[in-house]
Amino acid sequence: MSRDIAWKNFWEDRVENMISFSDIEHAYSVLKPLVHKTPLLSSRTFNSITGNEVYFKAENFQRIGAFKFRGAYNKIASLTDAQRRAGVVAHSSGNHAQGVALAAKLFGIKATIVMPHDSVSSKVEGTKGYGAEVVFCGTTIDEREKKTDELIRQYGYTLIHPYNDPQLIAGQGTVVLEIFHDTKDLDYLFVPIGGGGLVSGCAVAAKNLFPNVRVIGVETEGANDAYQSFREKRIVKLTKVNTIADGMRTSSVGPLNFEIIMKYVDDVITISDDDILPMMKFFFERMKIVVEPTGAVAPAAVMKNSLRMQGKKICAVISGGNIDPALLRQIA
């Protein structure tokens, strides 16, 4: 038995019963009446540039402008009546904040969101617009978690974690169920990695639906904690994160996310921040869609052809489109 297969078997034993494909199917039954079935887009120009048949799962067209609504709603749907009456709390730089805020509004419950004071203003306003209370904190994940813990102790809120939660991961995995509805074969699936919720759910679903698919997680070089963790086979926590992709400004993946990644993800690669703006510009000019920096990370890896693919059928997940207006002016 090879060393890699032995490690896969080790992580399979650890992940068993934490999240299954049936959990993702159940999540989709909960979400289907509410989520937008986002389109699978393609570009002949992009295909010509890369030499592959490429599709983009456009979660920038999802409710709140990002995939995060899926997991947030599925998690809140799993809470008891008592937990909902007490209210929920989340910490987030933006998209998870908006996802929790909208899901809480639909359930008619109170949501408090802890956000870094340097969050993108449009994401802060969007969160408030869905009726959530915003509490600002420092810029590090430790400061977010400290403030969140204080609010939980004070008010008895239930935490809606941004990535390290089974129900949330199952909700994010419904992205791939929709991809399967539109195409029945796939060679590669590229997914961005922040805290690891999206790639975890997508990887579980993909390995159950596409038997030969290779799942590739993508980070930026300035936020490469999952890249390092994947290679060292332990969770690596960064002391400093520096990237234009604000959805990747986490210092480490969650423990559950890490174990799922080790079982289901075939590789984790990185791109530079310099690769992101050209991809955003391509989407804006050639495909007439607005994509935020984090949302452009997985497609940018395909554009760069980091794995030297040719003639492959590929899907890259666009995770969101909530771009800072100031940044939009740079690519327009």
C-alpha atoms as a PDB file:
ATOM      1  CA  MET A   1       0.000   0.000   0.000  1.00  0.00           C
ATOM      2  CA  SER A   2       1.358   3.433  -0.961  1.00  0.00           C
ATOM      3  CA  ARG A   3       1.944   6.111   1.658  1.00  0.00           C
ATOM      4  CA  ASP A   4      -0.734   8.382   0.123  1.00  0.00           C
ATOM      5  CA  ILE A   5      -3.362   5.616   0.117  1.00  0.00           C
ATOM      6  CA  ALA A   6      -2.498   4.764   3.711  1.00  0.00           C
ATOM      7  CA  TRP A   7      -3.049   8.401   4.728  1.00  0.00           C
ATOM      8  CA  LYS A   8      -6.375   8.501   2.829  1.00  0.00           C
ATOM      9  CA  ASN A   9      -7.527   5.382   4.718  1.00  0.00           C
ATOM     10  CA  PHE A  10      -6.445   6.957   8.012  1.00  0.00           C
ATOM     11  CA  TRP A  11      -8.508  10.089   7.391  1.00  0.00           C
ATOM     12  CA  GLU A  12     -11.442   8.038   6.092  1.00  0.00           C
ATOM     13  CA  ASP A  13     -11.670   6.264   9.446  1.00  0.00           C
ATOM     14  CA  ARG A  14     -11.613   9.605  11.273  1.00  0.00           C
ATOM     15  CA  VAL A  15     -14.223  11.347   9.091  1.00  0.00           C
ATOM     16  CA  GLU A  16     -16.694   8.452   9.069  1.00  0.00           C
ATOM     17  CA  ASN A  17     -20.092   9.458  10.514  1.00  0.00           C
ATOM     18  CA  MET A  18     -19.145  13.169  10.679  1.00  0.00           C
ATOM     19  CA  ILE A  19     -20.749  14.087   7.351  1.00  0.00           C
ATOM     20  CA  SER A  20     -22.127  11.858   4.632  1.00  0.00           C
ATOM     21  CA  PHE A  21     -23.489  12.298   1.145  1.00  0.00           C
ATOM     22  CA  SER A  22     -26.974  11.659   2.533  1.00  0.00           C
ATOM     23  CA  ASP A  23     -26.494  14.711   4.783  1.00  0.00           C
ATOM     24  CA  ILE A  24     -25.914  16.793   1.664  1.00  0.00           C
ATOM     25  CA  GLU A  25     -28.964  15.305  -0.047  1.00  0.00           C
ATOM     26  CA  HIS A  26     -31.059  16.132   3.026  1.00  0.00           C
ATOM     27  CA  ALA A  27     -29.670  19.670   3.057  1.00  0.00           C
ATOM     28  CA  TYR A  28     -30.743  20.128  -0.547  1.00  0.00           C
ATOM     29  CA  SER A  29     -34.292  19.023   0.293  1.00  0.00           C
ATOM     30  CA  VAL A  30     -34.306  21.772   2.948  1.00  0.00           C
ATOM     31  CA  LEU A  31     -32.745  24.385   0.681  1.00  0.00           C
ATOM     32  CA  LYS A  32     -34.304  23.661  -2.701  1.00  0.00           C
ATOM     33  CA  PRO A  33     -37.432  25.821  -2.169  1.00  0.00           C
ATOM     34  CA  LEU A  34     -35.272  28.774  -1.098  1.00  0.00           C
ATOM     35  CA  VAL A  35     -31.928  28.847  -2.906  1.00  0.00           C
ATOM     36  CA  HIS A  36     -31.336  30.016  -6.434  1.00  0.00           C
ATOM     37  CA  LYS A  37     -30.241  27.188  -8.710  1.00  0.00           C
ATOM     38  CA  THR A  38     -27.219  29.064  -9.969  1.00  0.00           C
ATOM     39  CA  PRO A  39     -26.117  28.688 -13.591  1.00  0.00           C
ATOM     40  CA  LEU A  40     -23.207  26.734 -14.990  1.00  0.00           C
ATOM     41  CA  LEU A  41     -21.511  29.227 -17.319  1.00  0.00           C
ATOM     42  CA  SER A  42     -18.910  28.760 -20.020  1.00  0.00           C
ATOM     43  CA  SER A  43     -16.800  30.894 -22.348  1.00  0.00           C
ATOM     44  CA  ARG A  44     -15.488  29.809 -25.750  1.00  0.00           C
ATOM     45  CA  THR A  45     -12.687  32.335 -25.362  1.00  0.00           C
ATOM     46  CA  PHE A  46     -11.667  30.875 -21.997  1.00  0.00           C
ATOM     47  CA  ASN A  47     -11.787  27.354 -23.417  1.00  0.00           C
ATOM     48  CA  SER A  48      -9.575  28.430 -26.308  1.00  0.00           C
ATOM     49  CA  ILE A  49      -7.052  30.037 -23.968  1.00  0.00           C
ATOM     50  CA  THR A  50      -6.809  27.020 -21.658  1.00  0.00           C
ATOM     51  CA  GLY A  51      -7.346  24.157 -24.095  1.00  0.00           C
ATOM     52  CA  ASN A  52      -9.988  22.650 -21.818  1.00  0.00           C
ATOM     53  CA  GLU A  53     -13.770  22.476 -21.591  1.00  0.00           C
ATOM     54  CA  VAL A  54     -14.392  24.713 -18.594  1.00  0.00           C
ATOM     55  CA  TYR A  55     -17.558  25.545 -16.697  1.00  0.00           C
ATOM     56  CA  PHE A  56     -18.063  28.057 -13.905  1.00  0.00           C
ATOM     57  CA  LYS A  57     -20.579  27.385 -11.127  1.00  0.00           C
ATOM     58  CA  ALA A  58     -21.780  30.947 -10.631  1.00  0.00           C
ATOM     59  CA  GLU A  59     -22.589  31.298  -6.934  1.00  0.00           C
ATOM     60  CA  ASN A  60     -22.231  35.047  -7.376  1.00  0.00           C
ATOM     61  CA  PHE A  61     -25.882  34.752  -8.479  1.00  0.00           C
ATOM     62  CA  GLN A  62     -26.892  33.050  -5.227  1.00  0.00           C
ATOM     63  CA  ARG A  63     -28.998  34.841  -2.613  1.00  0.00           C
ATOM     64  CA  ILE A  64     -26.797  37.380  -0.765  1.00  0.00           C
ATOM     65  CA  GLY A  65     -24.404  37.118  -3.722  1.00  0.00           C
ATOM     66  CA  ALA A  66     -22.455  34.097  -2.445  1.00  0.00           C
ATOM     67  CA  PHE A  67     -22.710  30.400  -1.598  1.00  0.00           C
ATOM     68  CA  LYS A  68     -22.749  31.135   2.131  1.00  0.00           C
ATOM     69  CA  PHE A  69     -26.552  31.330   2.330  1.00  0.00           C
ATOM     70  CA  ARG A  70     -26.743  27.576   1.710  1.00  0.00           C
ATOM     71  CA  GLY A  71     -24.817  26.498   4.791  1.00  0.00           C
ATOM     72  CA  ALA A  72     -26.184  29.195   7.074  1.00  0.00           C
ATOM     73  CA  TYR A  73     -29.800  28.337   6.327  1.00  0.00           C
ATOM     74  CA  ASN A  74     -29.241  24.597   6.654  1.00  0.00           C
ATOM     75  CA  LYS A  75     -27.560  25.101  10.036  1.00  0.00           C
ATOM     76  CA  ILE A  76     -30.295  27.341  11.419  1.00  0.00           C
ATOM     77  CA  ALA A  77     -32.916  24.896  10.119  1.00  0.00           C
ATOM     78  CA  SER A  78     -31.329  22.221  12.342  1.00  0.00           C
ATOM     79  CA  LEU A  79     -31.653  24.261  15.565  1.00  0.00           C
ATOM     80  CA  THR A  80     -34.242  23.615  18.252  1.00  0.00           C
ATOM     81  CA  ASP A  81     -37.070  26.070  18.860  1.00  0.00           C
ATOM     82  CA  ALA A  82     -35.377  27.119  22.109  1.00  0.00           C
ATOM     83  CA  GLN A  83     -32.110  27.862  20.316  1.00  0.00           C
ATOM     84  CA  ARG A  84     -33.900  29.940  17.710  1.00  0.00           C
ATOM     85  CA  ARG A  85     -35.749  31.914  20.374  1.00  0.00           C
ATOM     86  CA  ALA A  86     -32.441  32.783  22.036  1.00  0.00           C
ATOM     87  CA  GLY A  87     -30.978  34.007  18.753  1.00  0.00           C
ATOM     88  CA  VAL A  88     -27.812  33.239  16.814  1.00  0.00           C
ATOM     89  CA  VAL A  89     -24.374  34.775  16.505  1.00  0.00           C
ATOM     90  CA  ALA A  90     -21.675  34.492  13.841  1.00  0.00           C
ATOM     91  CA  HIS A  91     -18.275  35.993  13.146  1.00  0.00           C
ATOM     92  CA  SER A  92     -17.432  36.876   9.558  1.00  0.00           C
ATOM     93  CA  SER A  93     -15.743  39.391   7.284  1.00  0.00           C
ATOM     94  CA  GLY A  94     -18.776  39.538   5.053  1.00  0.00           C
ATOM     95  CA  ASN A  95     -20.422  36.756   3.048  1.00  0.00           C
ATOM     96  CA  HIS A  96     -21.129  34.399   5.954  1.00  0.00           C
ATOM     97  CA  ALA A  97     -22.386  37.438   7.837  1.00  0.00           C
ATOM     98  CA  GLN A  98     -24.921  38.163   5.118  1.00  0.00           C
ATOM     99  CA  GLY A  99     -25.863  34.500   4.768  1.00  0.00           C
ATOM    100  CA  VAL A 100     -26.624  34.174   8.484  1.00  0.00           C
ATOM    101  CA  ALA A 101     -28.432  37.515   8.536  1.00  0.00           C
ATOM    102  CA  LEU A 102     -30.768  36.520   5.693  1.00  0.00           C
ATOM    103  CA  ALA A 103     -31.358  33.003   7.018  1.00  0.00           C
ATOM    104  CA  ALA A 104     -32.189  34.386  10.465  1.00  0.00           C
ATOM    105  CA  LYS A 105     -34.565  36.908   8.900  1.00  0.00           C
ATOM    106  CA  LEU A 106     -36.391  34.124   7.047  1.00  0.00           C
ATOM    107  CA  PHE A 107     -36.792  32.224  10.323  1.00  0.00           C
ATOM    108  CA  GLY A 108     -37.822  35.393  12.150  1.00  0.00           C
ATOM    109  CA  ILE A 109     -35.052  35.188  14.738  1.00  0.00           C
ATOM    110  CA  LYS A 110     -32.424  37.577  16.081  1.00  0.00           C
ATOM    111  CA  ALA A 111     -28.936  37.501  14.540  1.00  0.00           C
ATOM    112  CA  THR A 112     -25.840  39.249  15.868  1.00  0.00           C
ATOM    113  CA  ILE A 113     -22.792  39.340  13.614  1.00  0.00           C
ATOM    114  CA  VAL A 114     -19.237  40.038  14.777  1.00  0.00           C
ATOM    115  CA  MET A 115     -17.306  41.684  11.941  1.00  0.00           C
ATOM    116  CA  PRO A 116     -13.755  43.059  11.682  1.00  0.00           C
ATOM    117  CA  HIS A 117     -13.708  46.832  11.594  1.00  0.00           C
ATOM    118  CA  ASP A 118     -12.007  46.734   8.174  1.00  0.00           C
ATOM    119  CA  SER A 119     -14.732  44.642   6.514  1.00  0.00           C
ATOM    120  CA  VAL A 120     -15.845  45.681   3.025  1.00  0.00           C
ATOM    121  CA  SER A 121     -18.436  48.408   3.572  1.00  0.00           C
ATOM    122  CA  SER A 122     -20.911  46.927   1.097  1.00  0.00           C
ATOM    123  CA  LYS A 123     -20.867  43.633   3.020  1.00  0.00           C
ATOM    124  CA  VAL A 124     -21.438  45.428   6.326  1.00  0.00           C
ATOM    125  CA  GLU A 125     -24.375  47.349   4.880  1.00  0.00           C
ATOM    126  CA  GLY A 126     -25.763  44.179   3.321  1.00  0.00           C
ATOM    127  CA  THR A 127     -25.620  42.422   6.681  1.00  0.00           C
ATOM    128  CA  LYS A 128     -27.431  45.278   8.401  1.00  0.00           C
ATOM    129  CA  GLY A 129     -29.908  45.421   5.528  1.00  0.00           C
ATOM    130  CA  TYR A 130     -31.048  41.875   6.297  1.00  0.00           C
ATOM    131  CA  GLY A 131     -31.819  42.969   9.854  1.00  0.00           C
ATOM    132  CA  ALA A 132     -28.809  41.692  11.775  1.00  0.00           C
ATOM    133  CA  GLU A 133     -27.049  43.604  14.530  1.00  0.00           C
ATOM    134  CA  VAL A 134     -23.378  44.177  13.691  1.00  0.00           C
ATOM    135  CA  VAL A 135     -20.728  44.257  16.427  1.00  0.00           C
ATOM    136  CA  PHE A 136     -17.265  45.316  15.293  1.00  0.00           C
ATOM    137  CA  CYS A 137     -13.992  43.836  16.530  1.00  0.00           C
ATOM    138  CA  GLY A 138     -10.307  43.669  15.613  1.00  0.00           C
ATOM    139  CA  THR A 139      -9.004  42.173  12.412  1.00  0.00           C
ATOM    140  CA  THR A 140      -7.633  38.839  13.636  1.00  0.00           C
ATOM    141  CA  ILE A 141      -9.586  35.585  13.903  1.00  0.00           C
ATOM    142  CA  ASP A 142      -8.674  35.417  17.608  1.00  0.00           C
ATOM    143  CA  GLU A 143     -10.313  38.802  18.204  1.00  0.00           C
ATOM    144  CA  ARG A 144     -13.437  37.709  16.330  1.00  0.00           C
ATOM    145  CA  GLU A 145     -13.729  34.503  18.326  1.00  0.00           C
ATOM    146  CA  LYS A 146     -13.116  36.277  21.657  1.00  0.00           C
ATOM    147  CA  LYS A 147     -15.895  38.808  21.040  1.00  0.00           C
ATOM    148  CA  THR A 148     -18.237  36.058  19.823  1.00  0.00           C
ATOM    149  CA  ASP A 149     -17.590  33.980  22.948  1.00  0.00           C
ATOM    150  CA  GLU A 150     -18.360  37.017  25.118  1.00  0.00           C
ATOM    151  CA  LEU A 151     -21.730  37.477  23.395  1.00  0.00           C
ATOM    152  CA  ILE A 152     -22.594  33.786  23.753  1.00  0.00           C
ATOM    153  CA  ARG A 153     -21.849  33.881  27.483  1.00  0.00           C
ATOM    154  CA  GLN A 154     -23.837  37.084  27.924  1.00  0.00           C
ATOM    155  CA  TYR A 155     -26.933  36.300  25.839  1.00  0.00           C
ATOM    156  CA  GLY A 156     -27.017  32.546  25.284  1.00  0.00           C
ATOM    157  CA  TYR A 157     -26.806  32.791  21.505  1.00  0.00           C
ATOM    158  CA  THR A 158     -26.103  29.732  19.359  1.00  0.00           C
ATOM    159  CA  LEU A 159     -22.970  29.993  17.249  1.00  0.00           C
ATOM    160  CA  ILE A 160     -23.333  29.608  13.484  1.00  0.00           C
ATOM    161  CA  HIS A 161     -19.719  28.822  12.702  1.00  0.00           C
ATOM    162  CA  PRO A 162     -18.497  30.055   9.310  1.00  0.00           C
ATOM    163  CA  TYR A 163     -16.979  26.727   8.267  1.00  0.00           C
ATOM    164  CA  ASN A 164     -16.328  24.113  11.010  1.00  0.00           C
ATOM    165  CA  ASP A 165     -19.823  22.649  11.360  1.00  0.00           C
ATOM    166  CA  PRO A 166     -21.402  19.482   9.847  1.00  0.00           C
ATOM    167  CA  GLN A 167     -24.784  21.011   8.943  1.00  0.00           C
ATOM    168  CA  LEU A 168     -23.130  24.050   7.437  1.00  0.00           C
ATOM    169  CA  ILE A 169     -20.724  21.891   5.404  1.00  0.00           C
ATOM    170  CA  ALA A 170     -23.648  19.795   4.144  1.00  0.00           C
ATOM    171  CA  GLY A 171     -25.388  22.954   2.981  1.00  0.00           C
ATOM    172  CA  GLN A 172     -22.323  24.121   1.075  1.00  0.00           C
ATOM    173  CA  GLY A 173     -22.071  20.704  -0.592  1.00  0.00           C
ATOM    174  CA  THR A 174     -25.386  21.283  -2.356  1.00  0.00           C
ATOM    175  CA  VAL A 175     -23.417  23.395  -4.848  1.00  0.00           C
ATOM    176  CA  VAL A 176     -22.142  20.148  -6.408  1.00  0.00           C
ATOM    177  CA  LEU A 177     -25.582  18.520  -6.455  1.00  0.00           C
ATOM    178  CA  GLU A 178     -26.629  21.333  -8.763  1.00  0.00           C
ATOM    179  CA  ILE A 179     -23.520  20.931 -10.908  1.00  0.00           C
ATOM    180  CA  PHE A 180     -24.453  17.255 -11.324  1.00  0.00           C
ATOM    181  CA  HIS A 181     -27.931  18.236 -12.476  1.00  0.00           C
ATOM    182  CA  ASP A 182     -26.311  20.104 -15.385  1.00  0.00           C
ATOM    183  CA  THR A 183     -23.449  17.774 -16.304  1.00  0.00           C
ATOM    184  CA  LYS A 184     -22.927  14.110 -15.532  1.00  0.00           C
ATOM    185  CA  ASP A 185     -19.170  13.846 -16.094  1.00  0.00           C
ATOM    186  CA  LEU A 186     -16.272  15.891 -14.802  1.00  0.00           C
ATOM    187  CA  ASP A 187     -12.502  15.440 -14.734  1.00  0.00           C
ATOM    188  CA  TYR A 188     -11.606  18.236 -12.316  1.00  0.00           C
ATOM    189  CA  LEU A 189     -13.424  20.379  -9.760  1.00  0.00           C
ATOM    190  CA  PHE A 190     -11.606  23.511  -8.546  1.00  0.00           C
ATOM    191  CA  VAL A 191     -12.870  25.051  -5.296  1.00  0.00           C
ATOM    192  CA  PRO A 192     -11.538  28.038  -3.300  1.00  0.00           C
ATOM    193  CA  ILE A 193     -10.507  27.452   0.316  1.00  0.00           C
ATOM    194  CA  GLY A 194     -11.032  29.951   3.119  1.00  0.00           C
ATOM    195  CA  GLY A 195     -11.939  28.183   6.333  1.00  0.00           C
ATOM    196  CA  GLY A 196     -12.724  25.034   4.378  1.00  0.00           C
ATOM    197  CA  GLY A 197     -16.526  24.768   4.541  1.00  0.00           C
ATOM    198  CA  LEU A 198     -17.150  25.024   0.805  1.00  0.00           C
ATOM    199  CA  VAL A 199     -14.367  22.699  -0.309  1.00  0.00           C
ATOM    200  CA  SER A 200     -15.354  20.157   2.368  1.00  0.00           C
ATOM    201  CA  GLY A 201     -18.972  19.910   1.301  1.00  0.00           C
ATOM    202  CA  CYS A 202     -18.166  20.069  -2.402  1.00  0.00           C
ATOM    203  CA  ALA A 203     -15.511  17.352  -2.109  1.00  0.00           C
ATOM    204  CA  VAL A 204     -17.840  14.928  -0.304  1.00  0.00           C
ATOM    205  CA  ALA A 205     -20.552  15.452  -2.921  1.00  0.00           C
ATOM    206  CA  ALA A 206     -18.173  15.330  -5.888  1.00  0.00           C
ATOM    207  CA  LYS A 207     -16.565  12.040  -4.865  1.00  0.00           C
ATOM    208  CA  ASN A 208     -20.020  10.481  -4.563  1.00  0.00           C
ATOM    209  CA  LEU A 209     -21.376  11.831  -7.857  1.00  0.00           C
ATOM    210  CA  PHE A 210     -18.374  11.918 -10.202  1.00  0.00           C
ATOM    211  CA  PRO A 211     -16.386   8.709  -9.737  1.00  0.00           C
ATOM    212  CA  ASN A 212     -13.265   9.867 -11.612  1.00  0.00           C
ATOM    213  CA  VAL A 213     -13.169  13.530 -10.589  1.00  0.00           C
ATOM    214  CA  ARG A 214     -10.095  15.101  -9.005  1.00  0.00           C
ATOM    215  CA  VAL A 215     -10.964  17.783  -6.445  1.00  0.00           C
ATOM    216  CA  ILE A 216      -8.484  20.648  -6.278  1.00  0.00           C
ATOM    217  CA  GLY A 217      -8.561  23.246  -3.499  1.00  0.00           C
ATOM    218  CA  VAL A 218      -7.143  26.676  -4.309  1.00  0.00           C
ATOM    219  CA  GLU A 219      -5.740  29.386  -2.031  1.00  0.00           C
ATOM    220  CA  THR A 220      -3.700  32.521  -2.493  1.00  0.00           C
ATOM    221  CA  GLU A 221      -0.018  32.508  -1.594  1.00  0.00           C
ATOM    222  CA  GLY A 222      -0.603  35.041   1.181  1.00  0.00           C
ATOM    223  CA  ALA A 223      -3.225  32.825   2.842  1.00  0.00           C
ATOM    224  CA  ASN A 224      -1.798  29.369   2.210  1.00  0.00           C
ATOM    225  CA  ASP A 225      -2.641  27.638   5.487  1.00  0.00           C
ATOM    226  CA  ALA A 226      -4.573  24.789   3.816  1.00  0.00           C
ATOM    227  CA  TYR A 227      -1.776  24.328   1.281  1.00  0.00           C
ATOM    228  CA  GLN A 228       0.739  23.903   4.094  1.00  0.00           C
ATOM    229  CA  SER A 229      -1.627  21.793   6.186  1.00  0.00           C
ATOM    230  CA  PHE A 230      -2.329  19.418   3.298  1.00  0.00           C
ATOM    231  CA  ARG A 231       1.373  18.779   2.780  1.00  0.00           C
ATOM    232  CA  GLU A 232       2.335  18.506   6.432  1.00  0.00           C
ATOM    233  CA  LYS A 233      -0.760  16.441   7.309  1.00  0.00           C
ATOM    234  CA  ARG A 234      -1.489  18.613  10.319  1.00  0.00           C
ATOM    235  CA  ILE A 235      -3.315  21.904  10.772  1.00  0.00           C
ATOM    236  CA  VAL A 236      -0.949  24.802  10.155  1.00  0.00           C
ATOM    237  CA  LYS A 237      -2.032  28.152  11.606  1.00  0.00           C
ATOM    238  CA  LEU A 238      -0.686  31.288   9.983  1.00  0.00           C
ATOM    239  CA  THR A 239       0.551  34.151  12.130  1.00  0.00           C
ATOM    240  CA  LYS A 240      -0.037  36.634   9.307  1.00  0.00           C
ATOM    241  CA  VAL A 241      -2.414  36.646   6.351  1.00  0.00           C
ATOM    242  CA  ASN A 242      -1.997  39.019   3.430  1.00  0.00           C
ATOM    243  CA  THR A 243      -4.284  38.664   0.434  1.00  0.00           C
ATOM    244  CA  ILE A 244      -6.715  40.668  -1.665  1.00  0.00           C
ATOM    245  CA  ALA A 245      -9.163  37.765  -1.322  1.00  0.00           C
ATOM    246  CA  ASP A 246     -10.950  38.797   1.888  1.00  0.00           C
ATOM    247  CA  GLY A 247     -12.829  35.492   2.100  1.00  0.00           C
ATOM    248  CA  MET A 248      -9.482  33.746   2.583  1.00  0.00           C
ATOM    249  CA  ARG A 249      -8.265  35.814   5.509  1.00  0.00           C
ATOM    250  CA  THR A 250      -8.562  32.942   7.940  1.00  0.00           C
ATOM    251  CA  SER A 251      -5.482  31.771   9.794  1.00  0.00           C
ATOM    252  CA  SER A 252      -6.301  28.055   9.545  1.00  0.00           C
ATOM    253  CA  VAL A 253      -8.925  25.607   8.349  1.00  0.00           C
ATOM    254  CA  GLY A 254     -11.270  24.090  10.906  1.00  0.00           C
ATOM    255  CA  PRO A 255     -10.521  20.669  12.434  1.00  0.00           C
ATOM    256  CA  LEU A 256     -13.515  18.991  10.772  1.00  0.00           C
ATOM    257  CA  ASN A 257     -12.761  20.708   7.475  1.00  0.00           C
ATOM    258  CA  PHE A 258      -9.161  19.540   7.637  1.00  0.00           C
ATOM    259  CA  GLU A 259     -10.134  15.912   8.147  1.00  0.00           C
ATOM    260  CA  ILE A 260     -12.578  16.031   5.218  1.00  0.00           C
ATOM    261  CA  ILE A 261      -9.967  17.711   3.022  1.00  0.00           C
ATOM    262  CA  MET A 262      -7.442  15.012   3.860  1.00  0.00           C
ATOM    263  CA  LYS A 263      -9.915  12.300   2.880  1.00  0.00           C
ATOM    264  CA  TYR A 264     -11.588  13.750  -0.198  1.00  0.00           C
ATOM    265  CA  VAL A 265      -9.422  16.498  -1.729  1.00  0.00           C
ATOM    266  CA  ASP A 266      -6.774  15.367  -4.208  1.00  0.00           C
ATOM    267  CA  ASP A 267      -4.534  18.439  -4.040  1.00  0.00           C
ATOM    268  CA  VAL A 268      -4.333  21.988  -2.730  1.00  0.00           C
ATOM    269  CA  ILE A 269      -2.566  24.570  -4.876  1.00  0.00           C
ATOM    270  CA  THR A 270      -1.926  28.320  -4.687  1.00  0.00           C
ATOM    271  CA  ILE A 271      -2.029  31.315  -6.974  1.00  0.00           C
ATOM    272  CA  SER A 272      -0.725  34.828  -6.415  1.00  0.00           C
ATOM    273  CA  ASP A 273      -2.856  37.890  -5.811  1.00  0.00           C
ATOM    274  CA  ASP A 274      -1.569  39.127  -9.175  1.00  0.00           C
ATOM    275  CA  ASP A 275      -3.523  36.327 -10.856  1.00  0.00           C
ATOM    276  CA  ILE A 276      -6.841  37.460  -9.400  1.00  0.00           C
ATOM    277  CA  LEU A 277      -7.504  40.872 -10.954  1.00  0.00           C
ATOM    278  CA  PRO A 278      -6.978  39.663 -14.552  1.00  0.00           C
ATOM    279  CA  MET A 279      -9.504  36.891 -13.910  1.00  0.00           C
ATOM    280  CA  MET A 280     -12.004  39.347 -12.455  1.00  0.00           C
ATOM    281  CA  LYS A 281     -11.429  41.605 -15.454  1.00  0.00           C
ATOM    282  CA  PHE A 282     -12.024  38.701 -17.841  1.00  0.00           C
ATOM    283  CA  PHE A 283     -15.331  37.884 -16.146  1.00  0.00           C
ATOM    284  CA  PHE A 284     -16.402  41.527 -16.266  1.00  0.00           C
ATOM    285  CA  GLU A 285     -15.367  42.287 -19.850  1.00  0.00           C
ATOM    286  CA  ARG A 286     -15.934  38.978 -21.644  1.00  0.00           C
ATOM    287  CA  MET A 287     -18.717  37.314 -19.650  1.00  0.00           C
ATOM    288  CA  LYS A 288     -20.422  40.433 -18.243  1.00  0.00           C
ATOM    289  CA  ILE A 289     -20.484  39.195 -14.654  1.00  0.00           C
ATOM    290  CA  VAL A 290     -19.135  40.699 -11.431  1.00  0.00           C
ATOM    291  CA  VAL A 291     -16.949  38.399  -9.329  1.00  0.00           C
ATOM    292  CA  GLU A 292     -15.264  39.247  -6.037  1.00  0.00           C
ATOM    293  CA  PRO A 293     -11.568  38.416  -5.464  1.00  0.00           C
ATOM    294  CA  THR A 294     -12.196  35.196  -3.529  1.00  0.00           C
ATOM    295  CA  GLY A 295     -14.704  34.120  -6.161  1.00  0.00           C
ATOM    296  CA  ALA A 296     -12.070  34.491  -8.876  1.00  0.00           C
ATOM    297  CA  VAL A 297      -9.429  32.342  -7.150  1.00  0.00           C
ATOM    298  CA  ALA A 298     -10.466  28.891  -8.423  1.00  0.00           C
ATOM    299  CA  PRO A 299     -11.101  30.110 -12.002  1.00  0.00           C
ATOM    300  CA  ALA A 300      -7.740  31.940 -11.951  1.00  0.00           C
ATOM    301  CA  ALA A 301      -5.975  28.667 -11.154  1.00  0.00           C
ATOM    302  CA  VAL A 302      -7.619  27.121 -14.215  1.00  0.00           C
ATOM    303  CA  MET A 303      -6.679  30.134 -16.335  1.00  0.00           C
ATOM    304  CA  LYS A 304      -3.089  29.837 -15.152  1.00  0.00           C
ATOM    305  CA  ASN A 305      -3.264  26.091 -15.911  1.00  0.00           C
ATOM    306  CA  SER A 306      -1.186  25.281 -12.861  1.00  0.00           C
ATOM    307  CA  LEU A 307      -1.686  21.538 -13.387  1.00  0.00           C
ATOM    308  CA  ARG A 308      -0.897  21.642 -17.150  1.00  0.00           C
ATOM    309  CA  MET A 309      -4.258  20.197 -18.145  1.00  0.00           C
ATOM    310  CA  GLN A 310      -5.314  19.735 -21.768  1.00  0.00           C
ATOM    311  CA  GLY A 311      -8.589  18.459 -23.155  1.00  0.00           C
ATOM    312  CA  LYS A 312     -10.153  18.055 -19.700  1.00  0.00           C
ATOM    313  CA  LYS A 313     -13.677  18.804 -18.555  1.00  0.00           C
ATOM    314  CA  ILE A 314     -13.350  21.170 -15.624  1.00  0.00           C
ATOM    315  CA  CYS A 315     -15.664  23.039 -13.296  1.00  0.00           C
ATOM    316  CA  ALA A 316     -14.430  25.942 -11.169  1.00  0.00           C
ATOM    317  CA  VAL A 317     -16.639  27.354  -8.419  1.00  0.00           C
ATOM    318  CA  ILE A 318     -17.173  31.122  -8.374  1.00  0.00           C
ATOM    319  CA  SER A 319     -17.879  31.505  -4.668  1.00  0.00           C
ATOM    320  CA  GLY A 320     -19.294  35.040  -4.688  1.00  0.00           C
ATOM    321  CA  GLY A 321     -19.701  38.429  -6.305  1.00  0.00           C
ATOM    322  CA  ASN A 322     -19.818  40.912  -3.416  1.00  0.00           C
ATOM    323  CA  ILE A 323     -17.033  43.150  -4.597  1.00  0.00           C
ATOM    324  CA  ASP A 324     -15.879  46.383  -2.979  1.00  0.00           C
ATOM    325  CA  PRO A 325     -17.069  49.187  -5.320  1.00  0.00           C
ATOM    326  CA  ALA A 326     -13.593  50.764  -5.145  1.00  0.00           C
ATOM    327  CA  LEU A 327     -12.063  47.532  -6.436  1.00  0.00           C
ATOM    328  CA  LEU A 328     -14.706  47.247  -9.120  1.00  0.00           C
ATOM    329  CA  ARG A 329     -13.566  50.573 -10.518  1.00  0.00           C
ATOM    330  CA  GLN A 330     -10.080  49.103 -10.992  1.00  0.00           C
ATOM    331  CA  ILE A 331     -11.317  46.403 -13.355  1.00  0.00           C
ATOM    332  CA  ALA A 332     -14.153  48.277 -15.074  1.00  0.00           C
END
